[in-house]
Amino acid sequence: MTPMLIALATDVDDLTIAFNESSLTLLKIVIGLILFGIALDTTFEDFAAALRRPGVIAIGVIAQFVLLPAITLGLTIALDLRGSVALGLILVACCPPGNVSNILTHR
């Protein structure tokens, strides 16, 4: 069996991910480069445009920090997901927007 099929066949609660120090360092460098790349494209005009439309920013913040976690909680209850999967979904939904979200929103 391939490693991917083995991972799919096992129980989610039994999976472990072990990062060693060098892979964590590499991960930090890659994330830093991605965020730096996004910041290079941001101008003062972008901030000025955001300040001129505070209502739109408020709607986005409310959707990200209230609506998305509430929908995720509702779906985990409706789909009767077990605790570990539900916790993972809600944790991701409650995280601040990530760099991919920033890229898509900016474009």
Protein backbone atom coordinates (compact mmCIF):
# COMPACT_ATOMS: atom_id res chain seq x y z
CA MET A 1 0.00 0.00 0.00
CA THR A 2 1.19 3.52 -0.69
CA PRO A 3 1.70 5.86 2.29
CA MET A 4 -1.30 7.95 1.19
CA LEU A 5 -3.62 4.93 1.16
CA ILE A 6 -2.30 3.82 4.52
CA ALA A 7 -3.03 7.27 5.92
CA LEU A 8 -6.56 7.17 4.48
CA ALA A 9 -7.18 3.68 5.84
CA THR A 10 -6.13 4.48 9.41
CA ASP A 11 -8.15 6.22 12.04
CA VAL A 12 -7.78 10.00 12.11
CA ASP A 13 -7.19 9.97 15.86
CA ASP A 14 -4.23 7.60 15.45
CA LEU A 15 -2.30 9.80 13.00
CA THR A 16 0.71 11.69 14.27
CA ILE A 17 2.83 14.29 12.55
CA ALA A 18 6.40 14.65 13.71
CA PHE A 19 8.42 17.65 12.57
CA ASN A 20 12.12 17.68 13.19
CA GLU A 21 13.98 20.91 13.82
CA SER A 22 15.26 21.31 10.25
CA SER A 23 11.83 20.84 8.68
CA LEU A 24 10.33 23.39 11.11
CA THR A 25 13.04 25.88 10.17
CA LEU A 26 12.35 25.33 6.48
CA LEU A 27 8.60 25.73 7.07
CA LYS A 28 9.16 29.03 8.90
CA ILE A 29 11.35 30.32 6.06
CA VAL A 30 8.81 29.38 3.38
CA ILE A 31 5.91 31.00 5.28
CA GLY A 32 8.01 34.12 5.85
CA LEU A 33 8.81 34.36 2.13
CA ILE A 34 5.14 33.97 1.19
CA LEU A 35 4.08 36.72 3.62
CA PHE A 36 6.93 38.96 2.48
CA GLY A 37 5.85 38.43 -1.14
CA ILE A 38 2.32 39.54 -0.30
CA ALA A 39 3.62 42.58 1.59
CA LEU A 40 5.72 43.67 -1.40
CA ASP A 41 2.56 44.19 -3.42
CA THR A 42 0.77 46.24 -0.73
CA THR A 43 0.85 50.02 -1.16
CA PHE A 44 -0.22 52.98 0.96
CA GLU A 45 -3.13 53.45 -1.46
CA ASP A 46 -4.41 50.00 -0.45
CA PHE A 47 -4.55 51.12 3.19
CA ALA A 48 -6.18 54.42 2.22
CA ALA A 49 -8.84 52.58 0.21
CA ALA A 50 -9.54 50.33 3.20
CA LEU A 51 -9.92 53.36 5.50
CA ARG A 52 -12.38 55.00 3.09
CA ARG A 53 -14.67 51.94 3.26
CA PRO A 54 -14.80 50.85 6.90
CA GLY A 55 -18.22 49.20 6.48
CA VAL A 56 -16.85 46.70 3.98
CA ILE A 57 -13.97 45.91 6.32
CA ALA A 58 -16.42 45.43 9.22
CA ILE A 59 -18.52 43.01 7.15
CA GLY A 60 -15.41 40.99 6.30
CA VAL A 61 -14.26 40.87 9.91
CA ILE A 62 -17.70 39.80 11.16
CA ALA A 63 -17.96 37.14 8.45
CA GLN A 64 -14.50 35.77 9.24
CA PHE A 65 -14.68 35.75 13.04
CA VAL A 66 -18.40 35.19 13.74
CA LEU A 67 -20.23 33.82 10.71
CA LEU A 68 -17.65 31.25 9.53
CA PRO A 69 -17.14 29.63 12.98
CA ALA A 70 -20.92 29.60 13.54
CA ILE A 71 -21.55 27.89 10.19
CA THR A 72 -18.77 25.40 10.92
CA LEU A 73 -20.22 24.61 14.34
CA GLY A 74 -23.65 24.11 12.78
CA LEU A 75 -22.24 21.78 10.14
CA THR A 76 -20.30 19.70 12.67
CA ILE A 77 -23.49 19.27 14.70
CA ALA A 78 -25.66 18.54 11.64
CA LEU A 79 -23.18 16.02 10.21
CA ASP A 80 -22.61 14.43 13.64
CA LEU A 81 -18.85 14.48 13.26
CA ARG A 82 -16.78 12.92 16.01
CA GLY A 83 -14.95 15.19 18.40
CA SER A 84 -11.47 15.17 16.86
CA VAL A 85 -12.70 16.02 13.36
CA ALA A 86 -15.17 18.63 14.63
CA LEU A 87 -12.47 20.22 16.79
CA GLY A 88 -10.12 20.42 13.80
CA LEU A 89 -12.77 22.04 11.59
CA ILE A 90 -13.75 24.59 14.21
CA LEU A 91 -10.11 25.38 14.98
CA VAL A 92 -9.38 26.12 11.33
CA ALA A 93 -12.57 28.19 11.01
CA CYS A 94 -11.63 30.30 14.05
CA CYS A 95 -8.11 31.07 12.82
CA PRO A 96 -7.49 34.52 11.43
CA PRO A 97 -7.44 34.69 7.65
CA GLY A 98 -4.38 33.03 6.20
CA ASN A 99 -2.06 34.14 3.47
CA VAL A 100 -4.02 32.34 0.74
CA SER A 101 -7.16 34.22 1.77
CA ASN A 102 -5.21 37.48 1.61
CA ILE A 103 -3.94 36.70 -1.87
CA LEU A 104 -7.38 35.80 -3.20
CA THR A 105 -8.99 38.85 -1.59
CA HIS A 106 -6.32 41.15 -2.96
CA ARG A 107 -6.67 39.81 -6.50
